[in-house]
C-alpha cells in the first residue's frame, strides 16, 4: 500500500511518466519520487484500488473485462488515469504499451532489482495456493464491502495480463523486464535501480535533483496490516448481515404463528 490514495483535482493534467517497474521493485518509493519531481498525484496500485470509492475499483474491473476491445479499453484507461501525472505498479503495468500509445509524450521508467531478493519480497505477499481455496474464501468474505468487493475481479485480471499462462516464478521479473525493453522505444525508456538515487531519474525527466534523500518505502508490513483490517471489517459486516437476517426470520416466524 502506498499510503493515502492520490485523488486528482485537476483532470486536465495528463500522465507524464509510466512507471513500468514490476510489483515489489520499489514501486512505492518510485511513486513518492515522481510525486516530488512532477508535483502532482501518482496512481499507485493497491492504494487506489483498495482505498478509493467503489466506482473507481469497478472502473478497473471494466478495463480488464475489455482488454481485448481496444477502442473501449483506451477510453476507459483515459478515464481511469485522468488527472494523474504518473502511474506505478499494478494495475497500470498490465497496460504499459496501451498507456504509452495513449500518452505519446510520456516517458517510461523501468526499475530493476536482484531477482532473488525480488522473489523473496513478493513471496511474503503471494503465498502458494492463495488463488485457490483460501483466496476464494477471502473474496467471498469481502463481497458485502464496497470497493473491496472488487478485489477478486481485478486481481484475476492482473494475473491474466501480467502472468499469462505461466505461474509466477523467480524468473518472471526478467521475462517481464525484457518484454518492456522490447516493446518500448529506447529513447522513451529509462532503466535504473533505486540505489542510484535521484540523479538518473531527475536527469531523464529534465528536473533538478531534489536536495533531500531519495524516498525509501517498504509497504510489506503495511499491506499485511491492511489485509488484517479488511478481514476484521468484513467479518463485522457479515455479523451484522446475519444478525439482521436472523432477526427478520424470527419476526416473520412470530408473525406467521399469530396469523
C-alpha atoms as a PDB file:
ATOM      1  CA  UNK A   1       0.000   0.000   0.000  1.00  0.00           C
ATOM      2  CA  UNK A   2       1.271   3.428  -0.902  1.00  0.00           C
ATOM      3  CA  UNK A   3      -0.450   5.314   1.893  1.00  0.00           C
ATOM      4  CA  UNK A   4      -3.427   7.595   1.238  1.00  0.00           C
ATOM      5  CA  UNK A   5      -4.764   7.436  -2.334  1.00  0.00           C
ATOM      6  CA  UNK A   6      -3.852  10.424  -4.505  1.00  0.00           C
ATOM      7  CA  UNK A   7      -7.085  11.740  -5.998  1.00  0.00           C
ATOM      8  CA  UNK A   8      -6.608  14.201  -8.871  1.00  0.00           C
ATOM      9  CA  UNK A   9      -8.313  17.568  -8.551  1.00  0.00           C
ATOM     10  CA  UNK A  10      -7.252  18.842 -11.983  1.00  0.00           C
ATOM     11  CA  UNK A  11      -8.442  16.340 -14.579  1.00  0.00           C
ATOM     12  CA  UNK A  12      -6.715  18.274 -17.373  1.00  0.00           C
ATOM     13  CA  UNK A  13      -3.300  17.036 -16.246  1.00  0.00           C
ATOM     14  CA  UNK A  14      -2.027  14.002 -18.136  1.00  0.00           C
ATOM     15  CA  UNK A  15       0.382  11.158 -17.483  1.00  0.00           C
ATOM     16  CA  UNK A  16       3.997  12.248 -17.950  1.00  0.00           C
ATOM     17  CA  UNK A  17       5.678   9.097 -16.632  1.00  0.00           C
ATOM     18  CA  UNK A  18       4.683   5.454 -16.879  1.00  0.00           C
ATOM     19  CA  UNK A  19       6.334   3.555 -14.040  1.00  0.00           C
ATOM     20  CA  UNK A  20       6.785   0.157 -15.665  1.00  0.00           C
ATOM     21  CA  UNK A  21       8.579  -1.485 -12.758  1.00  0.00           C
ATOM     22  CA  UNK A  22       7.121  -4.846 -11.711  1.00  0.00           C
ATOM     23  CA  UNK A  23       5.461  -5.095  -8.309  1.00  0.00           C
ATOM     24  CA  UNK A  24       7.919  -5.335  -5.395  1.00  0.00           C
ATOM     25  CA  UNK A  25      10.662  -3.414  -7.227  1.00  0.00           C
ATOM     26  CA  UNK A  26      10.251  -0.291  -5.112  1.00  0.00           C
ATOM     27  CA  UNK A  27       7.055   0.986  -6.691  1.00  0.00           C
ATOM     28  CA  UNK A  28       6.022   2.903  -3.568  1.00  0.00           C
ATOM     29  CA  UNK A  29       9.401   4.655  -3.436  1.00  0.00           C
ATOM     30  CA  UNK A  30       9.131   5.442  -7.137  1.00  0.00           C
ATOM     31  CA  UNK A  31       5.620   6.843  -6.761  1.00  0.00           C
ATOM     32  CA  UNK A  32       6.801   9.140  -3.956  1.00  0.00           C
ATOM     33  CA  UNK A  33       9.785  10.250  -6.044  1.00  0.00           C
ATOM     34  CA  UNK A  34       7.573  11.017  -9.047  1.00  0.00           C
ATOM     35  CA  UNK A  35       5.130  12.962  -6.883  1.00  0.00           C
ATOM     36  CA  UNK A  36       8.068  15.117  -5.793  1.00  0.00           C
ATOM     37  CA  UNK A  37       9.593  15.629  -9.242  1.00  0.00           C
ATOM     38  CA  UNK A  38       6.333  16.163 -11.127  1.00  0.00           C
ATOM     39  CA  UNK A  39       4.419  17.941  -8.350  1.00  0.00           C
ATOM     40  CA  UNK A  40       1.212  16.011  -8.853  1.00  0.00           C
ATOM     41  CA  UNK A  41      -0.794  12.903  -7.954  1.00  0.00           C
ATOM     42  CA  UNK A  42       0.538   9.451  -8.868  1.00  0.00           C
ATOM     43  CA  UNK A  43      -1.659   6.403  -9.426  1.00  0.00           C
ATOM     44  CA  UNK A  44      -0.119   3.623  -7.350  1.00  0.00           C
ATOM     45  CA  UNK A  45      -1.518   0.097  -7.414  1.00  0.00           C
ATOM     46  CA  UNK A  46      -3.441  -1.212  -4.466  1.00  0.00           C
ATOM     47  CA  UNK A  47      -3.549   2.188  -2.793  1.00  0.00           C
ATOM     48  CA  UNK A  48      -6.071   3.266  -5.390  1.00  0.00           C
ATOM     49  CA  UNK A  49      -7.954   0.007  -5.863  1.00  0.00           C
ATOM     50  CA  UNK A  50      -8.424  -0.625  -2.146  1.00  0.00           C
ATOM     51  CA  UNK A  51      -8.593   2.945  -0.878  1.00  0.00           C
ATOM     52  CA  UNK A  52     -10.775   4.780  -3.391  1.00  0.00           C
ATOM     53  CA  UNK A  53     -14.521   4.801  -3.917  1.00  0.00           C
ATOM     54  CA  UNK A  54     -16.415   1.740  -5.139  1.00  0.00           C
ATOM     55  CA  UNK A  55     -16.933   3.175  -8.634  1.00  0.00           C
ATOM     56  CA  UNK A  56     -13.198   3.603  -9.203  1.00  0.00           C
ATOM     57  CA  UNK A  57     -12.404  -0.010  -8.312  1.00  0.00           C
ATOM     58  CA  UNK A  58     -15.276  -1.092 -10.580  1.00  0.00           C
ATOM     59  CA  UNK A  59     -13.804   1.026 -13.400  1.00  0.00           C
ATOM     60  CA  UNK A  60     -10.591  -1.023 -13.352  1.00  0.00           C
ATOM     61  CA  UNK A  61     -12.635  -4.227 -13.412  1.00  0.00           C
ATOM     62  CA  UNK A  62     -14.322  -2.887 -16.555  1.00  0.00           C
ATOM     63  CA  UNK A  63     -10.874  -2.154 -18.004  1.00  0.00           C
ATOM     64  CA  UNK A  64      -9.765  -5.751 -17.516  1.00  0.00           C
ATOM     65  CA  UNK A  65     -13.062  -7.021 -18.923  1.00  0.00           C
ATOM     66  CA  UNK A  66     -12.453  -5.004 -22.113  1.00  0.00           C
ATOM     67  CA  UNK A  67      -8.733  -5.657 -22.531  1.00  0.00           C
ATOM     68  CA  UNK A  68      -9.388  -7.274 -25.930  1.00  0.00           C
ATOM     69  CA  UNK A  69     -11.674  -4.461 -27.123  1.00  0.00           C
ATOM     70  CA  UNK A  70      -9.138  -1.731 -27.831  1.00  0.00           C
ATOM     71  CA  UNK A  71     -11.451   1.249 -28.523  1.00  0.00           C
ATOM     72  CA  UNK A  72     -13.328   0.741 -25.258  1.00  0.00           C
ATOM     73  CA  UNK A  73     -10.123  -0.183 -23.399  1.00  0.00           C
ATOM     74  CA  UNK A  74      -8.377   3.047 -24.411  1.00  0.00           C
ATOM     75  CA  UNK A  75     -11.418   5.129 -23.459  1.00  0.00           C
ATOM     76  CA  UNK A  76     -11.604   3.525 -20.019  1.00  0.00           C
ATOM     77  CA  UNK A  77      -7.846   3.825 -19.450  1.00  0.00           C
ATOM     78  CA  UNK A  78      -8.006   7.546 -20.199  1.00  0.00           C
ATOM     79  CA  UNK A  79     -10.883   7.878 -17.744  1.00  0.00           C
ATOM     80  CA  UNK A  80      -9.031   5.952 -15.007  1.00  0.00           C
ATOM     81  CA  UNK A  81      -5.777   7.915 -15.412  1.00  0.00           C
ATOM     82  CA  UNK A  82      -7.237  11.398 -15.966  1.00  0.00           C
ATOM     83  CA  UNK A  83      -5.508  13.967 -13.758  1.00  0.00           C
ATOM     84  CA  UNK A  84      -2.609  11.721 -12.719  1.00  0.00           C
ATOM     85  CA  UNK A  85       0.911  12.829 -13.631  1.00  0.00           C
ATOM     86  CA  UNK A  86       2.317   9.303 -13.370  1.00  0.00           C
ATOM     87  CA  UNK A  87       1.354   5.684 -12.793  1.00  0.00           C
ATOM     88  CA  UNK A  88       3.215   2.889 -10.990  1.00  0.00           C
ATOM     89  CA  UNK A  89       2.678  -0.793 -10.139  1.00  0.00           C
ATOM     90  CA  UNK A  90      -0.419  -2.831 -10.889  1.00  0.00           C
ATOM     91  CA  UNK A  91      -2.861  -2.359 -12.481  1.00  0.00           C
ATOM     92  CA  UNK A  92      -1.035   0.112 -14.737  1.00  0.00           C
ATOM     93  CA  UNK A  93       1.820  -2.271 -15.624  1.00  0.00           C
ATOM     94  CA  UNK A  94      -0.769  -4.553 -17.233  1.00  0.00           C
ATOM     95  CA  UNK A  95      -1.231  -1.865 -19.884  1.00  0.00           C
ATOM     96  CA  UNK A  96       2.224  -0.381 -20.442  1.00  0.00           C
ATOM     97  CA  UNK A  97       2.033  -0.400 -24.239  1.00  0.00           C
ATOM     98  CA  UNK A  98      -1.542   0.906 -24.281  1.00  0.00           C
ATOM     99  CA  UNK A  99      -0.641   3.737 -21.898  1.00  0.00           C
ATOM    100  CA  UNK A 100       2.441   4.525 -23.972  1.00  0.00           C
ATOM    101  CA  UNK A 101       0.179   4.868 -27.002  1.00  0.00           C
ATOM    102  CA  UNK A 102      -2.457   6.823 -25.095  1.00  0.00           C
ATOM    103  CA  UNK A 103       0.181   9.272 -23.790  1.00  0.00           C
ATOM    104  CA  UNK A 104       2.770   9.500 -26.608  1.00  0.00           C
ATOM    105  CA  UNK A 105       4.800  12.174 -24.805  1.00  0.00           C
ATOM    106  CA  UNK A 106       5.074  10.186 -21.574  1.00  0.00           C
ATOM    107  CA  UNK A 107       8.385   8.638 -20.602  1.00  0.00           C
ATOM    108  CA  UNK A 108       8.727   5.124 -19.240  1.00  0.00           C
ATOM    109  CA  UNK A 109      10.793   4.167 -16.191  1.00  0.00           C
ATOM    110  CA  UNK A 110      11.731   0.527 -15.592  1.00  0.00           C
ATOM    111  CA  UNK A 111      13.173  -0.290 -12.162  1.00  0.00           C
ATOM    112  CA  UNK A 112      15.380  -3.364 -11.944  1.00  0.00           C
ATOM    113  CA  UNK A 113      16.017  -5.451  -8.833  1.00  0.00           C
ATOM    114  CA  UNK A 114      18.046  -8.506  -7.964  1.00  0.00           C
ATOM    115  CA  UNK A 115      15.782 -11.439  -8.951  1.00  0.00           C
ATOM    116  CA  UNK A 116      16.402 -13.438  -5.774  1.00  0.00           C
ATOM    117  CA  UNK A 117      15.686 -10.502  -3.488  1.00  0.00           C
ATOM    118  CA  UNK A 118      12.622  -9.654  -5.564  1.00  0.00           C
ATOM    119  CA  UNK A 119      11.371 -13.232  -5.289  1.00  0.00           C
ATOM    120  CA  UNK A 120      11.842 -13.269  -1.537  1.00  0.00           C
ATOM    121  CA  UNK A 121       9.939  -9.991  -1.270  1.00  0.00           C
ATOM    122  CA  UNK A 122       6.999 -10.934  -3.448  1.00  0.00           C
ATOM    123  CA  UNK A 123       6.588 -14.319  -1.779  1.00  0.00           C
ATOM    124  CA  UNK A 124       5.851 -12.602   1.522  1.00  0.00           C
ATOM    125  CA  UNK A 125       2.645 -11.400  -0.115  1.00  0.00           C
ATOM    126  CA  UNK A 126       1.953 -14.120  -2.683  1.00  0.00           C
ATOM    127  CA  UNK A 127       1.643 -17.472  -0.968  1.00  0.00           C
ATOM    128  CA  UNK A 128       1.258 -20.813  -2.683  1.00  0.00           C
ATOM    129  CA  UNK A 129      -2.406 -21.638  -3.118  1.00  0.00           C
ATOM    130  CA  UNK A 130      -3.584 -18.098  -2.421  1.00  0.00           C
ATOM    131  CA  UNK A 131      -5.543 -18.045  -5.666  1.00  0.00           C
ATOM    132  CA  UNK A 132      -7.288 -21.334  -4.915  1.00  0.00           C
ATOM    133  CA  UNK A 133      -9.428 -22.173  -1.913  1.00  0.00           C
ATOM    134  CA  UNK A 134      -8.121 -19.627   0.595  1.00  0.00           C
ATOM    135  CA  UNK A 135      -8.293 -16.784  -1.917  1.00  0.00           C
ATOM    136  CA  UNK A 136     -11.865 -17.678  -2.902  1.00  0.00           C
ATOM    137  CA  UNK A 137     -12.807 -17.628   0.773  1.00  0.00           C
ATOM    138  CA  UNK A 138     -11.160 -14.213   1.160  1.00  0.00           C
ATOM    139  CA  UNK A 139     -13.006 -12.701  -1.811  1.00  0.00           C
ATOM    140  CA  UNK A 140     -16.300 -14.182  -0.618  1.00  0.00           C
ATOM    141  CA  UNK A 141     -15.691 -12.611   2.773  1.00  0.00           C
ATOM    142  CA  UNK A 142     -15.208  -9.203   1.104  1.00  0.00           C
ATOM    143  CA  UNK A 143     -18.327  -9.453  -1.050  1.00  0.00           C
ATOM    144  CA  UNK A 144     -20.565  -7.097   1.018  1.00  0.00           C
ATOM    145  CA  UNK A 145     -17.833  -4.423   1.407  1.00  0.00           C
ATOM    146  CA  UNK A 146     -17.859  -1.523  -1.094  1.00  0.00           C
ATOM    147  CA  UNK A 147     -14.606  -1.145  -3.091  1.00  0.00           C
ATOM    148  CA  UNK A 148     -13.050  -4.254  -1.534  1.00  0.00           C
ATOM    149  CA  UNK A 149     -15.707  -6.469  -3.127  1.00  0.00           C
ATOM    150  CA  UNK A 150     -13.979  -5.978  -6.499  1.00  0.00           C
ATOM    151  CA  UNK A 151     -10.586  -7.245  -5.297  1.00  0.00           C
ATOM    152  CA  UNK A 152     -11.050 -10.768  -6.597  1.00  0.00           C
ATOM    153  CA  UNK A 153     -12.007  -9.485 -10.055  1.00  0.00           C
ATOM    154  CA  UNK A 154      -9.098  -7.112 -10.610  1.00  0.00           C
ATOM    155  CA  UNK A 155      -6.539  -9.464  -9.079  1.00  0.00           C
ATOM    156  CA  UNK A 156      -7.625 -12.182 -11.501  1.00  0.00           C
ATOM    157  CA  UNK A 157      -7.288  -9.603 -14.265  1.00  0.00           C
ATOM    158  CA  UNK A 158      -3.746  -8.809 -13.154  1.00  0.00           C
ATOM    159  CA  UNK A 159      -2.842 -12.491 -13.098  1.00  0.00           C
ATOM    160  CA  UNK A 160      -4.116 -12.984 -16.636  1.00  0.00           C
ATOM    161  CA  UNK A 161      -2.451  -9.867 -18.042  1.00  0.00           C
ATOM    162  CA  UNK A 162       0.942  -9.984 -16.327  1.00  0.00           C
ATOM    163  CA  UNK A 163       1.476 -13.701 -15.655  1.00  0.00           C
ATOM    164  CA  UNK A 164      -0.370 -15.007 -18.680  1.00  0.00           C
ATOM    165  CA  UNK A 165      -0.434 -18.780 -18.874  1.00  0.00           C
ATOM    166  CA  UNK A 166       2.684 -19.297 -16.728  1.00  0.00           C
ATOM    167  CA  UNK A 167       2.898 -19.332 -12.955  1.00  0.00           C
ATOM    168  CA  UNK A 168       4.651 -16.609 -11.012  1.00  0.00           C
ATOM    169  CA  UNK A 169       8.267 -17.738 -10.569  1.00  0.00           C
ATOM    170  CA  UNK A 170      11.729 -16.368  -9.831  1.00  0.00           C
ATOM    171  CA  UNK A 171      12.467 -15.575 -13.499  1.00  0.00           C
ATOM    172  CA  UNK A 172       9.140 -13.758 -14.040  1.00  0.00           C
ATOM    173  CA  UNK A 173      10.853 -10.453 -13.302  1.00  0.00           C
ATOM    174  CA  UNK A 174      13.457 -10.940 -16.034  1.00  0.00           C
ATOM    175  CA  UNK A 175      10.798 -12.081 -18.519  1.00  0.00           C
ATOM    176  CA  UNK A 176       8.699  -9.013 -17.810  1.00  0.00           C
ATOM    177  CA  UNK A 177      11.628  -6.559 -17.935  1.00  0.00           C
ATOM    178  CA  UNK A 178      12.755  -7.960 -21.295  1.00  0.00           C
ATOM    179  CA  UNK A 179       9.212  -7.571 -22.591  1.00  0.00           C
ATOM    180  CA  UNK A 180       9.190  -3.872 -21.616  1.00  0.00           C
ATOM    181  CA  UNK A 181      12.544  -3.270 -23.332  1.00  0.00           C
ATOM    182  CA  UNK A 182      11.279  -4.968 -26.475  1.00  0.00           C
ATOM    183  CA  UNK A 183       8.040  -3.009 -26.657  1.00  0.00           C
ATOM    184  CA  UNK A 184       9.061   0.492 -25.564  1.00  0.00           C
ATOM    185  CA  UNK A 185      11.295   2.663 -27.770  1.00  0.00           C
ATOM    186  CA  UNK A 186      14.742   3.086 -26.203  1.00  0.00           C
ATOM    187  CA  UNK A 187      14.589   6.896 -26.375  1.00  0.00           C
ATOM    188  CA  UNK A 188      11.487   6.844 -24.141  1.00  0.00           C
ATOM    189  CA  UNK A 189      12.842   4.317 -21.640  1.00  0.00           C
ATOM    190  CA  UNK A 190      14.982   4.723 -18.540  1.00  0.00           C
ATOM    191  CA  UNK A 191      16.205   1.550 -16.837  1.00  0.00           C
ATOM    192  CA  UNK A 192      17.535   2.148 -13.321  1.00  0.00           C
ATOM    193  CA  UNK A 193      17.902   0.762  -9.822  1.00  0.00           C
ATOM    194  CA  UNK A 194      16.620   2.623  -6.792  1.00  0.00           C
ATOM    195  CA  UNK A 195      20.071   2.610  -5.207  1.00  0.00           C
ATOM    196  CA  UNK A 196      21.143   5.072  -7.924  1.00  0.00           C
ATOM    197  CA  UNK A 197      19.014   7.717  -6.220  1.00  0.00           C
ATOM    198  CA  UNK A 198      17.627  10.916  -7.717  1.00  0.00           C
ATOM    199  CA  UNK A 199      20.195  11.713 -10.403  1.00  0.00           C
ATOM    200  CA  UNK A 200      19.285   9.358 -13.302  1.00  0.00           C
ATOM    201  CA  UNK A 201      15.556   9.875 -12.794  1.00  0.00           C
ATOM    202  CA  UNK A 202      15.742  13.670 -12.467  1.00  0.00           C
ATOM    203  CA  UNK A 203      18.061  13.952 -15.469  1.00  0.00           C
ATOM    204  CA  UNK A 204      15.809  11.736 -17.586  1.00  0.00           C
ATOM    205  CA  UNK A 205      12.790  13.917 -16.741  1.00  0.00           C
ATOM    206  CA  UNK A 206      14.662  17.207 -17.101  1.00  0.00           C
ATOM    207  CA  UNK A 207      14.096  18.130 -13.460  1.00  0.00           C
ATOM    208  CA  UNK A 208      16.521  19.464 -10.834  1.00  0.00           C
ATOM    209  CA  UNK A 209      17.848  16.936  -8.333  1.00  0.00           C
ATOM    210  CA  UNK A 210      15.956  17.430  -5.037  1.00  0.00           C
ATOM    211  CA  UNK A 211      18.045  18.403  -2.022  1.00  0.00           C
ATOM    212  CA  UNK A 212      16.755  15.530   0.093  1.00  0.00           C
ATOM    213  CA  UNK A 213      17.217  11.753   0.338  1.00  0.00           C
ATOM    214  CA  UNK A 214      15.561   9.570  -2.278  1.00  0.00           C
ATOM    215  CA  UNK A 215      12.334   8.071  -0.841  1.00  0.00           C
ATOM    216  CA  UNK A 216      12.728   4.637   0.713  1.00  0.00           C
ATOM    217  CA  UNK A 217       9.441   2.944   1.474  1.00  0.00           C
ATOM    218  CA  UNK A 218       8.696  -0.703   2.166  1.00  0.00           C
ATOM    219  CA  UNK A 219       4.980  -1.409   2.326  1.00  0.00           C
ATOM    220  CA  UNK A 220       5.032  -5.148   3.095  1.00  0.00           C
ATOM    221  CA  UNK A 221       4.101  -4.714   6.745  1.00  0.00           C
ATOM    222  CA  UNK A 222       1.522  -2.032   5.920  1.00  0.00           C
ATOM    223  CA  UNK A 223      -0.115  -4.319   3.348  1.00  0.00           C
ATOM    224  CA  UNK A 224      -0.283  -7.204   5.799  1.00  0.00           C
ATOM    225  CA  UNK A 225      -1.842  -4.949   8.429  1.00  0.00           C
ATOM    226  CA  UNK A 226      -4.334  -3.618   5.908  1.00  0.00           C
ATOM    227  CA  UNK A 227      -5.308  -7.157   4.880  1.00  0.00           C
ATOM    228  CA  UNK A 228      -5.973  -7.996   8.534  1.00  0.00           C
ATOM    229  CA  UNK A 229      -8.083  -4.836   8.827  1.00  0.00           C
ATOM    230  CA  UNK A 230     -10.080  -5.886   5.764  1.00  0.00           C
ATOM    231  CA  UNK A 231     -10.777  -9.302   7.275  1.00  0.00           C
ATOM    232  CA  UNK A 232     -11.855  -7.860  10.634  1.00  0.00           C
ATOM    233  CA  UNK A 233     -14.107  -5.273   8.996  1.00  0.00           C
ATOM    234  CA  UNK A 234     -15.671  -7.787   6.613  1.00  0.00           C
ATOM    235  CA  UNK A 235     -16.396 -10.209   9.475  1.00  0.00           C
ATOM    236  CA  UNK A 236     -18.200  -7.448  11.370  1.00  0.00           C
ATOM    237  CA  UNK A 237     -20.243  -6.650   8.267  1.00  0.00           C
ATOM    238  CA  UNK A 238     -21.198 -10.314   7.892  1.00  0.00           C
ATOM    239  CA  UNK A 239     -22.162 -10.485  11.585  1.00  0.00           C
ATOM    240  CA  UNK A 240     -24.484  -7.528  11.001  1.00  0.00           C
ATOM    241  CA  UNK A 241     -25.960  -9.120   7.866  1.00  0.00           C
ATOM    242  CA  UNK A 242     -26.525 -12.485   9.529  1.00  0.00           C
ATOM    243  CA  UNK A 243     -27.911 -10.885  12.687  1.00  0.00           C
ATOM    244  CA  UNK A 244     -30.301  -8.798  10.620  1.00  0.00           C
ATOM    245  CA  UNK A 245     -31.368 -11.806   8.589  1.00  0.00           C
ATOM    246  CA  UNK A 246     -31.861 -13.852  11.758  1.00  0.00           C
ATOM    247  CA  UNK A 247     -33.940 -11.109  13.363  1.00  0.00           C
ATOM    248  CA  UNK A 248     -36.074 -10.754  10.242  1.00  0.00           C
ATOM    249  CA  UNK A 249     -36.609 -14.519  10.107  1.00  0.00           C
ATOM    250  CA  UNK A 250     -37.604 -14.663  13.786  1.00  0.00           C
ATOM    251  CA  UNK A 251     -40.048 -11.773  13.392  1.00  0.00           C
ATOM    252  CA  UNK A 252     -41.517 -13.421  10.323  1.00  0.00           C
ATOM    253  CA  UNK A 253     -41.915 -16.709  12.161  1.00  0.00           C
ATOM    254  CA  UNK A 254     -43.629 -14.998  15.106  1.00  0.00           C
ATOM    255  CA  UNK A 255     -45.956 -13.186  12.749  1.00  0.00           C
ATOM    256  CA  UNK A 256     -46.761 -16.464  10.969  1.00  0.00           C
ATOM    257  CA  UNK A 257     -47.633 -18.127  14.296  1.00  0.00           C
ATOM    258  CA  UNK A 258     -50.016 -15.315  15.239  1.00  0.00           C
ATOM    259  CA  UNK A 259     -51.621 -15.438  11.836  1.00  0.00           C
END
